[in-house]
């Protein structure tokens, strides 16, 4: 039986496609008010209509922000807080992988900025609202590939030796380190923080890769799960009474599991937090 979320407000980043959209649909079916935070307005509008039509829930709205642009995130947070006084669930879902090294408007590598730093900033800007709405939940999306990540604080933006998978893996490791540090900082606050590996899901991820790479990914898809299957753990963590007081854990298929050994290093967690605070203040 679905939990009744009719009095809960949820922000989902990247909610216009893939796992983000499937998560939005799942929570909307439970009655949650959904704020879709998307970069592309037209794609967002198309998904907004689909989610409303599919679920019958009309309490769905679209707000625009680009997670690699920190000023855009600040504007979103300002607009959200001026029109909403509560936030019960924040799902940091959006993710990209760039074939070639690109940078945002202040020179930060785009994959790390979008997948991690943008969500770090967004979460911190919304913390006060989350804390005033307790019980509240933050769910970060990572990946099993975080186990291949290794943060070099002298080369966080991969100016040297860029690789698309290296950038992606590092961003996903950062999401886990951030989760554990934030959970510790929010202990006994009524706001829980957990992180999810959704599995390899069939989404439009990698659409800008070469034809050869896309053909490989197409072959790989026979071993993947649907976006709906990939969204199940995020939906579970956002809605289940069973996990209301559980925080600082890594989840796969609605079960707590161990993340990589490096991810539990508290000195790296603290160092990343301080570096992220500095990087996103520019």
Protein backbone atom coordinates (compact mmCIF):
# COMPACT_ATOMS: atom_id res chain seq x y z
CA UNK A 1 0.00 0.00 0.00
CA UNK A 2 1.35 3.42 -1.00
CA UNK A 3 2.19 5.98 1.66
CA UNK A 4 0.01 9.08 1.61
CA UNK A 5 2.28 12.02 0.71
CA UNK A 6 -0.51 14.52 0.07
CA UNK A 7 0.92 16.93 2.63
CA UNK A 8 4.53 16.62 1.45
CA UNK A 9 6.48 18.82 -0.98
CA UNK A 10 9.35 17.33 -2.97
CA UNK A 11 12.02 18.84 -5.25
CA UNK A 12 13.54 16.47 -7.82
CA UNK A 13 16.44 17.63 -9.99
CA UNK A 14 16.53 16.30 -13.54
CA UNK A 15 12.87 15.29 -13.31
CA UNK A 16 12.13 15.62 -17.03
CA UNK A 17 13.55 12.24 -18.08
CA UNK A 18 14.83 8.84 -16.99
CA UNK A 19 15.00 7.96 -13.32
CA UNK A 20 14.10 11.51 -12.28
CA UNK A 21 10.83 11.43 -14.19
CA UNK A 22 10.04 7.92 -12.98
CA UNK A 23 10.67 9.07 -9.40
CA UNK A 24 8.39 12.07 -9.91
CA UNK A 25 5.62 9.83 -11.25
CA UNK A 26 5.98 7.40 -8.35
CA UNK A 27 5.80 10.11 -5.70
CA UNK A 28 3.04 12.01 -7.52
CA UNK A 29 0.92 8.85 -7.43
CA UNK A 30 1.23 9.00 -3.63
CA UNK A 31 -0.11 12.55 -3.67
CA UNK A 32 3.11 14.50 -3.16
CA UNK A 33 3.44 18.04 -4.47
CA UNK A 34 6.35 17.87 -6.90
CA UNK A 35 8.68 20.65 -7.97
CA UNK A 36 10.56 19.57 -11.08
CA UNK A 37 13.92 21.35 -11.21
CA UNK A 38 15.03 21.14 -14.84
CA UNK A 39 17.52 22.86 -17.13
CA UNK A 40 15.59 22.60 -20.41
CA UNK A 41 12.26 24.41 -20.22
CA UNK A 42 10.60 22.72 -23.20
CA UNK A 43 11.57 19.21 -22.11
CA UNK A 44 10.42 20.13 -18.63
CA UNK A 45 7.02 21.30 -19.91
CA UNK A 46 6.56 18.08 -21.91
CA UNK A 47 7.39 15.95 -18.86
CA UNK A 48 5.19 18.10 -16.62
CA UNK A 49 2.17 17.37 -18.82
CA UNK A 50 3.02 13.67 -18.97
CA UNK A 51 3.35 13.38 -15.18
CA UNK A 52 0.07 15.20 -14.58
CA UNK A 53 -1.74 13.11 -17.21
CA UNK A 54 -0.26 9.83 -15.95
CA UNK A 55 -0.90 10.36 -12.25
CA UNK A 56 -3.90 12.70 -12.16
CA UNK A 57 -1.95 14.77 -9.64
CA UNK A 58 -2.14 18.44 -10.61
CA UNK A 59 0.21 19.61 -7.82
CA UNK A 60 3.22 19.43 -10.10
CA UNK A 61 5.21 22.49 -11.09
CA UNK A 62 8.27 23.22 -13.18
CA UNK A 63 11.11 25.49 -12.10
CA UNK A 64 14.23 26.14 -14.15
CA UNK A 65 17.87 26.05 -13.07
CA UNK A 66 21.16 24.89 -14.57
CA UNK A 67 23.07 22.90 -11.96
CA UNK A 68 26.46 23.82 -13.41
CA UNK A 69 25.65 27.53 -13.02
CA UNK A 70 25.82 28.52 -9.35
CA UNK A 71 24.10 31.87 -9.90
CA UNK A 72 21.23 29.99 -11.55
CA UNK A 73 20.97 27.75 -8.49
CA UNK A 74 21.00 30.73 -6.14
CA UNK A 75 18.19 32.35 -8.15
CA UNK A 76 16.16 29.13 -8.06
CA UNK A 77 16.59 28.83 -4.28
CA UNK A 78 15.58 32.45 -3.81
CA UNK A 79 12.49 32.00 -6.01
CA UNK A 80 11.53 28.74 -4.31
CA UNK A 81 11.79 30.19 -0.80
CA UNK A 82 9.76 33.24 -1.82
CA UNK A 83 6.88 31.06 -3.02
CA UNK A 84 7.11 27.98 -0.75
CA UNK A 85 7.49 27.84 3.01
CA UNK A 86 8.05 24.08 3.26
CA UNK A 87 10.25 21.40 1.73
CA UNK A 88 9.99 17.83 2.99
CA UNK A 89 11.93 15.84 0.36
CA UNK A 90 14.93 16.86 -1.77
CA UNK A 91 16.11 14.35 -4.38
CA UNK A 92 19.43 15.30 -5.98
CA UNK A 93 19.06 13.16 -9.07
CA UNK A 94 20.34 15.03 -12.16
CA UNK A 95 23.54 13.72 -13.72
CA UNK A 96 25.62 14.02 -16.87
CA UNK A 97 28.81 12.63 -18.41
CA UNK A 98 30.73 14.71 -20.94
CA UNK A 99 32.80 13.06 -23.67
CA UNK A 100 35.27 15.95 -23.77
CA UNK A 101 36.33 18.22 -20.95
CA UNK A 102 34.09 21.27 -20.69
CA UNK A 103 33.88 23.97 -18.04
CA UNK A 104 31.16 26.15 -16.60
CA UNK A 105 31.22 29.94 -16.56
CA UNK A 106 33.82 30.07 -13.77
CA UNK A 107 36.08 27.31 -15.08
CA UNK A 108 34.84 24.29 -13.14
CA UNK A 109 34.75 20.96 -14.97
CA UNK A 110 31.14 20.43 -16.05
CA UNK A 111 30.52 16.86 -14.90
CA UNK A 112 31.82 17.50 -11.38
CA UNK A 113 30.00 20.85 -11.24
CA UNK A 114 26.64 19.43 -12.39
CA UNK A 115 26.63 16.06 -10.66
CA UNK A 116 28.12 17.19 -7.37
CA UNK A 117 28.94 20.86 -6.74
CA UNK A 118 25.59 22.14 -7.98
CA UNK A 119 23.77 19.73 -5.71
CA UNK A 120 26.05 20.62 -2.79
CA UNK A 121 25.15 24.29 -3.22
CA UNK A 122 21.44 23.62 -3.82
CA UNK A 123 21.17 21.47 -0.69
CA UNK A 124 22.91 24.01 1.51
CA UNK A 125 20.72 26.84 0.20
CA UNK A 126 17.59 24.82 1.03
CA UNK A 127 18.73 23.45 4.39
CA UNK A 128 16.96 26.06 6.46
CA UNK A 129 13.68 25.31 4.67
CA UNK A 130 14.18 21.57 5.13
CA UNK A 131 14.92 22.05 8.83
CA UNK A 132 11.76 24.10 9.28
CA UNK A 133 9.76 21.27 7.67
CA UNK A 134 10.94 18.30 9.75
CA UNK A 135 10.72 15.41 9.42
CA UNK A 136 12.50 15.93 6.11
CA UNK A 137 14.62 13.76 3.84
CA UNK A 138 17.49 14.33 1.42
CA UNK A 139 18.28 11.62 -1.14
CA UNK A 140 21.43 11.85 -3.24
CA UNK A 141 21.96 9.72 -6.33
CA UNK A 142 25.36 8.11 -6.76
CA UNK A 143 26.53 5.04 -8.67
CA UNK A 144 28.43 1.82 -8.14
CA UNK A 145 31.12 3.45 -10.27
CA UNK A 146 32.04 5.59 -7.24
CA UNK A 147 34.29 2.68 -6.27
CA UNK A 148 36.59 3.65 -9.16
CA UNK A 149 36.63 7.31 -8.12
CA UNK A 150 39.66 8.94 -6.52
CA UNK A 151 39.70 12.60 -5.60
CA UNK A 152 42.93 14.51 -6.16
CA UNK A 153 42.42 17.84 -4.39
CA UNK A 154 45.19 19.36 -6.50
CA UNK A 155 43.35 18.32 -9.66
CA UNK A 156 39.65 18.24 -8.73
CA UNK A 157 38.67 19.81 -12.07
CA UNK A 158 40.82 17.36 -14.04
CA UNK A 159 42.84 19.98 -15.87
CA UNK A 160 45.37 17.17 -16.20
CA UNK A 161 44.45 13.76 -17.57
CA UNK A 162 40.73 14.26 -18.14
CA UNK A 163 38.64 11.20 -18.85
CA UNK A 164 34.86 11.08 -19.11
CA UNK A 165 34.57 8.05 -16.80
CA UNK A 166 37.12 9.47 -14.37
CA UNK A 167 35.11 12.70 -14.11
CA UNK A 168 31.85 10.79 -13.65
CA UNK A 169 33.27 8.33 -11.09
CA UNK A 170 34.79 11.17 -9.07
CA UNK A 171 31.52 13.09 -9.02
CA UNK A 172 29.67 10.01 -7.78
CA UNK A 173 32.26 9.38 -5.04
CA UNK A 174 31.87 13.03 -4.04
CA UNK A 175 28.10 12.53 -3.71
CA UNK A 176 28.69 9.77 -1.17
CA UNK A 177 31.36 11.65 0.80
CA UNK A 178 28.97 14.64 0.89
CA UNK A 179 26.09 12.45 2.10
CA UNK A 180 28.06 11.05 5.03
CA UNK A 181 29.43 14.45 6.08
CA UNK A 182 26.02 16.13 5.81
CA UNK A 183 24.33 13.31 7.74
CA UNK A 184 26.82 13.81 10.57
CA UNK A 185 26.24 17.58 10.57
CA UNK A 186 22.45 17.09 10.63
CA UNK A 187 22.41 14.38 13.29
CA UNK A 188 19.31 14.65 15.52
CA UNK A 189 17.98 17.58 13.44
CA UNK A 190 15.01 15.70 11.98
CA UNK A 191 16.54 15.84 8.48
CA UNK A 192 17.90 12.53 7.18
CA UNK A 193 20.39 12.15 4.34
CA UNK A 194 20.87 8.96 2.34
CA UNK A 195 22.53 8.03 -0.95
CA UNK A 196 21.41 5.60 -3.65
CA UNK A 197 22.96 3.49 -6.39
CA UNK A 198 19.92 3.06 -8.68
CA UNK A 199 21.54 0.38 -10.84
CA UNK A 200 22.37 0.69 -14.51
CA UNK A 201 19.07 1.98 -15.86
CA UNK A 202 17.84 2.33 -19.43
CA UNK A 203 17.73 6.11 -19.86
CA UNK A 204 18.93 8.63 -22.47
CA UNK A 205 22.23 8.92 -20.60
CA UNK A 206 25.18 9.16 -23.02
CA UNK A 207 23.13 10.54 -25.89
CA UNK A 208 25.94 12.91 -26.92
CA UNK A 209 28.55 10.17 -27.24
CA UNK A 210 29.91 8.92 -30.56
CA UNK A 211 27.85 6.51 -32.65
CA UNK A 212 30.25 3.70 -31.78
CA UNK A 213 29.87 4.32 -28.03
CA UNK A 214 26.10 4.59 -28.34
CA UNK A 215 26.00 1.24 -30.15
CA UNK A 216 27.99 -0.30 -27.29
CA UNK A 217 25.63 1.21 -24.73
CA UNK A 218 22.68 -0.14 -26.72
CA UNK A 219 24.13 -3.65 -26.51
CA UNK A 220 24.78 -3.12 -22.80
CA UNK A 221 21.13 -2.18 -22.22
CA UNK A 222 20.09 -5.84 -22.23
CA UNK A 223 21.78 -6.05 -18.80
CA UNK A 224 20.15 -2.91 -17.42
CA UNK A 225 16.92 -2.14 -15.59
CA UNK A 226 14.10 0.18 -16.58
CA UNK A 227 13.98 3.76 -15.32
CA UNK A 228 10.98 2.71 -13.20
CA UNK A 229 13.03 -0.05 -11.59
CA UNK A 230 15.95 2.34 -11.08
CA UNK A 231 13.65 4.82 -9.31
CA UNK A 232 12.33 2.33 -6.75
CA UNK A 233 14.98 2.93 -4.09
CA UNK A 234 14.67 6.71 -4.29
CA UNK A 235 10.89 6.41 -3.99
CA UNK A 236 11.29 4.03 -1.04
CA UNK A 237 13.67 6.38 0.78
CA UNK A 238 11.45 9.38 0.09
CA UNK A 239 8.23 7.77 1.28
CA UNK A 240 8.63 4.73 3.51
CA UNK A 241 7.90 5.11 7.25
CA UNK A 242 10.45 2.32 7.79
CA UNK A 243 13.39 4.63 7.05
CA UNK A 244 12.15 7.82 8.70
CA UNK A 245 14.99 7.90 11.23
CA UNK A 246 17.74 6.22 9.17
CA UNK A 247 20.47 8.53 7.93
CA UNK A 248 23.95 8.44 6.44
CA UNK A 249 23.53 5.14 4.59
CA UNK A 250 24.22 3.84 1.07
CA UNK A 251 21.34 1.93 -0.56
CA UNK A 252 20.91 -0.50 -3.45
CA UNK A 253 17.55 -2.16 -4.24
CA UNK A 254 16.01 -0.73 -1.05
CA UNK A 255 18.71 -2.36 1.09
CA UNK A 256 21.56 -0.81 3.08
CA UNK A 257 24.95 -1.87 1.71
CA UNK A 258 28.57 -0.80 2.16
CA UNK A 259 30.07 1.82 -0.12
CA UNK A 260 33.78 1.94 -0.97
CA UNK A 261 36.37 2.01 1.81
CA UNK A 262 37.55 5.50 0.77
CA UNK A 263 34.04 6.91 1.09
CA UNK A 264 34.11 6.39 4.88
CA UNK A 265 37.28 8.44 5.35
CA UNK A 266 36.10 11.31 7.56
CA UNK A 267 39.13 13.49 6.84
CA UNK A 268 38.40 13.30 3.09
CA UNK A 269 34.71 14.01 3.78
CA UNK A 270 35.59 17.15 5.75
CA UNK A 271 38.21 18.27 3.23
CA UNK A 272 35.75 17.90 0.36
CA UNK A 273 33.09 19.84 2.29
CA UNK A 274 35.47 22.75 2.89
CA UNK A 275 36.70 22.71 -0.72
CA UNK A 276 33.12 22.60 -2.02
CA UNK A 277 32.08 25.49 0.17
CA UNK A 278 34.94 27.55 -1.23
CA UNK A 279 34.34 26.52 -4.85
CA UNK A 280 30.63 27.32 -4.79
CA UNK A 281 31.06 30.68 -3.09
CA UNK A 282 32.61 32.17 -6.23
